[in-house]
Amino acid sequence: MLLESHDLKINVKTTLILDLIQRKKISLTVLILNRNFIMAFKVIQNTKINTQVFTFSSPETVIYPVAPLVSAKFYKPNGVLTLKIRATLYMNSEIPDAPIVETPTENGTVLTMNYDYDFSEETPETCDVWYVEVDYTSDTVGNITNVMSYMVNLDPETSRGTNTEVIP
């Protein structure tokens, strides 16, 4: 799908390219071109990695939702500086839907990643573990020093986040 818009008054051209969006396995590439800013991200993988439900050994010590476990590191595929973000998400095993990866937002040196899903307000007995891998690039990607990652409830009463330093 290609969406193009022009605003002659401010002379901005924006193009979105969406490769594939599926509820269960999101494979998404977004490229936003604008006179002042270019940004692209691709969900490489969004996969449940456990074959049996995961049970915390001491559930009374778990604050739910569990904050994402995230790593972030720069690399240069085809010579393009790219930030590789890997997240492990613990989600209620009674809700089988994959998390939705929102378009990242860059603000100065911080990139914010939101992982949306519908979770209960009570700590679940068991969880599924999801692995999400994202490649992100922009004209200013080299300025990013931290990635803020949030589990966001689709019923937005509760969310939980993690601050991860980027490895150069």
C-alpha atoms as a PDB file:
ATOM      1  CA  MET A   1       0.000   0.000   0.000  1.00  0.00           C
ATOM      2  CA  LEU A   2       1.390   3.417  -0.882  1.00  0.00           C
ATOM      3  CA  LEU A   3       0.006   6.589   0.640  1.00  0.00           C
ATOM      4  CA  GLU A   4       1.273   9.948  -0.503  1.00  0.00           C
ATOM      5  CA  SER A   5       0.166  13.405   0.597  1.00  0.00           C
ATOM      6  CA  HIS A   6       1.216  16.908  -0.402  1.00  0.00           C
ATOM      7  CA  ASP A   7       0.676  20.130   1.507  1.00  0.00           C
ATOM      8  CA  LEU A   8       1.612  22.971  -0.827  1.00  0.00           C
ATOM      9  CA  LYS A   9       1.441  25.598   1.929  1.00  0.00           C
ATOM     10  CA  ILE A  10       4.341  24.057   3.874  1.00  0.00           C
ATOM     11  CA  ASN A  11       5.722  22.016   0.943  1.00  0.00           C
ATOM     12  CA  VAL A  12       5.913  18.739   2.842  1.00  0.00           C
ATOM     13  CA  LYS A  13       5.731  15.408   1.099  1.00  0.00           C
ATOM     14  CA  THR A  14       5.123  12.312   3.184  1.00  0.00           C
ATOM     15  CA  THR A  15       5.231   8.763   1.904  1.00  0.00           C
ATOM     16  CA  LEU A  16       4.274   5.651   3.883  1.00  0.00           C
ATOM     17  CA  ILE A  17       5.114   2.184   2.686  1.00  0.00           C
ATOM     18  CA  LEU A  18       3.406  -0.622   4.587  1.00  0.00           C
ATOM     19  CA  ASP A  19       4.719  -4.073   3.613  1.00  0.00           C
ATOM     20  CA  LEU A  20       2.545  -6.375   5.644  1.00  0.00           C
ATOM     21  CA  ILE A  21       0.446  -6.068   8.767  1.00  0.00           C
ATOM     22  CA  GLN A  22      -1.015  -9.100  10.414  1.00  0.00           C
ATOM     23  CA  ARG A  23      -2.566  -9.262  13.873  1.00  0.00           C
ATOM     24  CA  LYS A  24      -0.795 -12.461  14.885  1.00  0.00           C
ATOM     25  CA  LYS A  25       2.626 -11.810  13.335  1.00  0.00           C
ATOM     26  CA  ILE A  26       3.293  -8.206  12.532  1.00  0.00           C
ATOM     27  CA  SER A  27       5.848  -7.675   9.801  1.00  0.00           C
ATOM     28  CA  LEU A  28       5.892  -3.957   9.249  1.00  0.00           C
ATOM     29  CA  THR A  29       8.188  -1.601   7.427  1.00  0.00           C
ATOM     30  CA  VAL A  30       7.375   2.080   7.638  1.00  0.00           C
ATOM     31  CA  LEU A  31       9.316   4.695   5.751  1.00  0.00           C
ATOM     32  CA  ILE A  32       8.396   8.316   6.360  1.00  0.00           C
ATOM     33  CA  LEU A  33       9.997  10.815   4.007  1.00  0.00           C
ATOM     34  CA  ASN A  34       9.633  14.478   4.688  1.00  0.00           C
ATOM     35  CA  ARG A  35      11.716  17.463   3.784  1.00  0.00           C
ATOM     36  CA  ASN A  36      13.334  17.522   7.232  1.00  0.00           C
ATOM     37  CA  PHE A  37      13.221  13.946   8.526  1.00  0.00           C
ATOM     38  CA  ILE A  38      13.487  10.356   7.301  1.00  0.00           C
ATOM     39  CA  MET A  39      12.596   7.447   9.574  1.00  0.00           C
ATOM     40  CA  ALA A  40      12.160   3.721   8.916  1.00  0.00           C
ATOM     41  CA  PHE A  41      11.488   0.741  11.117  1.00  0.00           C
ATOM     42  CA  LYS A  42      10.843  -2.907  10.496  1.00  0.00           C
ATOM     43  CA  VAL A  43       9.521  -5.548  12.848  1.00  0.00           C
ATOM     44  CA  ILE A  44      11.873  -8.432  12.056  1.00  0.00           C
ATOM     45  CA  GLN A  45      10.254 -10.898  14.430  1.00  0.00           C
ATOM     46  CA  ASN A  46       7.228 -10.992  16.781  1.00  0.00           C
ATOM     47  CA  THR A  47       7.074 -14.576  18.002  1.00  0.00           C
ATOM     48  CA  LYS A  48       5.890 -16.511  21.029  1.00  0.00           C
ATOM     49  CA  ILE A  49       9.014 -18.431  22.066  1.00  0.00           C
ATOM     50  CA  ASN A  50       7.718 -20.803  24.727  1.00  0.00           C
ATOM     51  CA  THR A  51       6.053 -24.136  23.944  1.00  0.00           C
ATOM     52  CA  GLN A  52       4.586 -24.504  27.435  1.00  0.00           C
ATOM     53  CA  VAL A  53       3.262 -21.706  29.637  1.00  0.00           C
ATOM     54  CA  PHE A  54       5.822 -19.935  31.809  1.00  0.00           C
ATOM     55  CA  THR A  55       5.176 -19.829  35.564  1.00  0.00           C
ATOM     56  CA  PHE A  56       7.028 -17.427  37.868  1.00  0.00           C
ATOM     57  CA  SER A  57       8.523 -19.340  40.815  1.00  0.00           C
ATOM     58  CA  SER A  58       7.555 -16.575  43.279  1.00  0.00           C
ATOM     59  CA  PRO A  59       4.509 -14.833  41.751  1.00  0.00           C
ATOM     60  CA  GLU A  60       4.031 -12.703  44.876  1.00  0.00           C
ATOM     61  CA  THR A  61       7.265 -10.867  43.969  1.00  0.00           C
ATOM     62  CA  VAL A  62       6.153 -10.079  40.409  1.00  0.00           C
ATOM     63  CA  ILE A  63       4.803  -6.631  39.582  1.00  0.00           C
ATOM     64  CA  TYR A  64       2.426  -7.051  36.671  1.00  0.00           C
ATOM     65  CA  PRO A  65       2.637  -6.109  33.906  1.00  0.00           C
ATOM     66  CA  VAL A  66       6.254  -7.209  33.784  1.00  0.00           C
ATOM     67  CA  ALA A  67       8.461  -4.510  32.276  1.00  0.00           C
ATOM     68  CA  PRO A  68       9.977  -5.476  28.906  1.00  0.00           C
ATOM     69  CA  LEU A  69      13.505  -6.883  28.958  1.00  0.00           C
ATOM     70  CA  VAL A  70      15.277  -4.934  26.206  1.00  0.00           C
ATOM     71  CA  SER A  71      18.659  -4.672  24.522  1.00  0.00           C
ATOM     72  CA  ALA A  72      19.635  -2.063  21.933  1.00  0.00           C
ATOM     73  CA  LYS A  73      22.737  -1.896  19.774  1.00  0.00           C
ATOM     74  CA  PHE A  74      23.854  -0.057  16.643  1.00  0.00           C
ATOM     75  CA  TYR A  75      24.972  -1.922  13.544  1.00  0.00           C
ATOM     76  CA  LYS A  76      25.437  -1.059   9.834  1.00  0.00           C
ATOM     77  CA  PRO A  77      23.640  -3.368   7.396  1.00  0.00           C
ATOM     78  CA  ASN A  78      24.601  -2.286   3.860  1.00  0.00           C
ATOM     79  CA  GLY A  79      26.440   0.691   5.386  1.00  0.00           C
ATOM     80  CA  VAL A  80      23.275   2.232   6.936  1.00  0.00           C
ATOM     81  CA  LEU A  81      23.481   3.013  10.662  1.00  0.00           C
ATOM     82  CA  THR A  82      20.616   1.063  12.239  1.00  0.00           C
ATOM     83  CA  LEU A  83      19.485   0.477  15.812  1.00  0.00           C
ATOM     84  CA  LYS A  84      18.665  -3.176  16.563  1.00  0.00           C
ATOM     85  CA  ILE A  85      16.133  -3.429  19.415  1.00  0.00           C
ATOM     86  CA  ARG A  86      15.389  -6.819  20.956  1.00  0.00           C
ATOM     87  CA  ALA A  87      12.651  -7.204  23.571  1.00  0.00           C
ATOM     88  CA  THR A  88      11.352 -10.103  25.625  1.00  0.00           C
ATOM     89  CA  LEU A  89       7.764  -9.603  26.776  1.00  0.00           C
ATOM     90  CA  TYR A  90       5.899 -11.604  29.432  1.00  0.00           C
ATOM     91  CA  MET A  91       2.180 -11.681  28.654  1.00  0.00           C
ATOM     92  CA  ASN A  92      -0.807 -13.452  30.217  1.00  0.00           C
ATOM     93  CA  SER A  93      -1.010 -16.900  28.592  1.00  0.00           C
ATOM     94  CA  GLU A  94      -4.818 -16.742  28.678  1.00  0.00           C
ATOM     95  CA  ILE A  95      -4.675 -13.980  26.025  1.00  0.00           C
ATOM     96  CA  PRO A  96      -3.161 -15.557  22.879  1.00  0.00           C
ATOM     97  CA  ASP A  97      -2.791 -12.389  20.760  1.00  0.00           C
ATOM     98  CA  ALA A  98       0.665 -11.159  19.783  1.00  0.00           C
ATOM     99  CA  PRO A  99       1.733  -7.723  21.044  1.00  0.00           C
ATOM    100  CA  ILE A 100       1.273  -4.829  18.622  1.00  0.00           C
ATOM    101  CA  VAL A 101       4.471  -2.887  17.957  1.00  0.00           C
ATOM    102  CA  GLU A 102       3.652   0.811  17.621  1.00  0.00           C
ATOM    103  CA  THR A 103       5.677   3.117  15.364  1.00  0.00           C
ATOM    104  CA  PRO A 104       8.681   4.235  17.445  1.00  0.00           C
ATOM    105  CA  THR A 105       8.963   7.901  18.388  1.00  0.00           C
ATOM    106  CA  GLU A 106      12.275   9.712  18.560  1.00  0.00           C
ATOM    107  CA  ASN A 107      12.674  12.699  20.864  1.00  0.00           C
ATOM    108  CA  GLY A 108      16.221  14.044  21.110  1.00  0.00           C
ATOM    109  CA  THR A 109      18.413  11.199  22.363  1.00  0.00           C
ATOM    110  CA  VAL A 110      15.518   8.931  23.402  1.00  0.00           C
ATOM    111  CA  LEU A 111      13.647   6.427  21.238  1.00  0.00           C
ATOM    112  CA  THR A 112      10.315   5.260  22.680  1.00  0.00           C
ATOM    113  CA  MET A 113       8.965   1.811  21.827  1.00  0.00           C
ATOM    114  CA  ASN A 114       5.424   0.799  22.818  1.00  0.00           C
ATOM    115  CA  TYR A 115       4.262  -2.811  22.827  1.00  0.00           C
ATOM    116  CA  ASP A 116       0.462  -2.901  23.048  1.00  0.00           C
ATOM    117  CA  TYR A 117      -1.679  -5.789  24.171  1.00  0.00           C
ATOM    118  CA  ASP A 118      -4.804  -6.481  26.188  1.00  0.00           C
ATOM    119  CA  PHE A 119      -3.823  -7.587  29.680  1.00  0.00           C
ATOM    120  CA  SER A 120      -5.737  -8.226  32.863  1.00  0.00           C
ATOM    121  CA  GLU A 121      -5.342  -6.026  35.930  1.00  0.00           C
ATOM    122  CA  GLU A 122      -4.565  -9.086  38.069  1.00  0.00           C
ATOM    123  CA  THR A 123      -1.257 -10.921  38.058  1.00  0.00           C
ATOM    124  CA  PRO A 124      -1.756 -13.996  35.868  1.00  0.00           C
ATOM    125  CA  GLU A 125      -0.939 -17.505  37.031  1.00  0.00           C
ATOM    126  CA  THR A 126       1.042 -18.187  33.837  1.00  0.00           C
ATOM    127  CA  CYS A 127       2.614 -16.194  31.025  1.00  0.00           C
ATOM    128  CA  ASP A 128       3.717 -16.612  27.437  1.00  0.00           C
ATOM    129  CA  VAL A 129       7.086 -15.195  26.478  1.00  0.00           C
ATOM    130  CA  TRP A 130       7.253 -13.156  23.256  1.00  0.00           C
ATOM    131  CA  TYR A 131      10.422 -12.167  21.424  1.00  0.00           C
ATOM    132  CA  VAL A 132      10.194  -8.944  19.402  1.00  0.00           C
ATOM    133  CA  GLU A 133      13.042  -7.718  17.198  1.00  0.00           C
ATOM    134  CA  VAL A 134      12.959  -4.317  15.468  1.00  0.00           C
ATOM    135  CA  ASP A 135      15.369  -2.472  13.183  1.00  0.00           C
ATOM    136  CA  TYR A 136      15.099   1.320  13.359  1.00  0.00           C
ATOM    137  CA  THR A 137      16.890   4.007  11.377  1.00  0.00           C
ATOM    138  CA  SER A 138      16.530   7.743  10.798  1.00  0.00           C
ATOM    139  CA  ASP A 139      18.686  10.723   9.833  1.00  0.00           C
ATOM    140  CA  THR A 140      19.366  11.215  13.568  1.00  0.00           C
ATOM    141  CA  VAL A 141      19.537   7.582  14.750  1.00  0.00           C
ATOM    142  CA  GLY A 142      23.183   8.093  15.798  1.00  0.00           C
ATOM    143  CA  ASN A 143      22.044  10.595  18.445  1.00  0.00           C
ATOM    144  CA  ILE A 144      19.968   7.981  20.306  1.00  0.00           C
ATOM    145  CA  THR A 145      21.466   7.012  23.667  1.00  0.00           C
ATOM    146  CA  ASN A 146      18.432   5.433  25.364  1.00  0.00           C
ATOM    147  CA  VAL A 147      15.430   3.339  24.391  1.00  0.00           C
ATOM    148  CA  MET A 148      12.322   3.652  26.568  1.00  0.00           C
ATOM    149  CA  SER A 149      10.169   0.542  26.135  1.00  0.00           C
ATOM    150  CA  TYR A 150       6.637   0.226  27.474  1.00  0.00           C
ATOM    151  CA  MET A 151       4.070  -2.515  27.782  1.00  0.00           C
ATOM    152  CA  VAL A 152       0.871  -0.599  27.097  1.00  0.00           C
ATOM    153  CA  ASN A 153      -2.552  -1.967  27.937  1.00  0.00           C
ATOM    154  CA  LEU A 154      -5.059  -1.624  25.099  1.00  0.00           C
ATOM    155  CA  ASP A 155      -7.422  -0.665  27.922  1.00  0.00           C
ATOM    156  CA  PRO A 156      -4.984   2.093  28.993  1.00  0.00           C
ATOM    157  CA  GLU A 157      -5.304   1.945  32.760  1.00  0.00           C
ATOM    158  CA  THR A 158      -1.920   0.302  33.296  1.00  0.00           C
ATOM    159  CA  SER A 159       1.455   0.295  31.597  1.00  0.00           C
ATOM    160  CA  ARG A 160       5.005  -0.578  32.595  1.00  0.00           C
ATOM    161  CA  GLY A 161       8.308   0.557  31.119  1.00  0.00           C
ATOM    162  CA  THR A 162      12.057  -0.001  30.917  1.00  0.00           C
ATOM    163  CA  ASN A 163      14.901   2.408  30.142  1.00  0.00           C
ATOM    164  CA  THR A 164      17.727   0.746  28.152  1.00  0.00           C
ATOM    165  CA  GLU A 165      21.071   2.350  27.293  1.00  0.00           C
ATOM    166  CA  VAL A 166      22.123   1.905  23.670  1.00  0.00           C
ATOM    167  CA  ILE A 167      25.395   0.067  23.070  1.00  0.00           C
ATOM    168  CA  PRO A 168      27.456   2.016  20.494  1.00  0.00           C
END
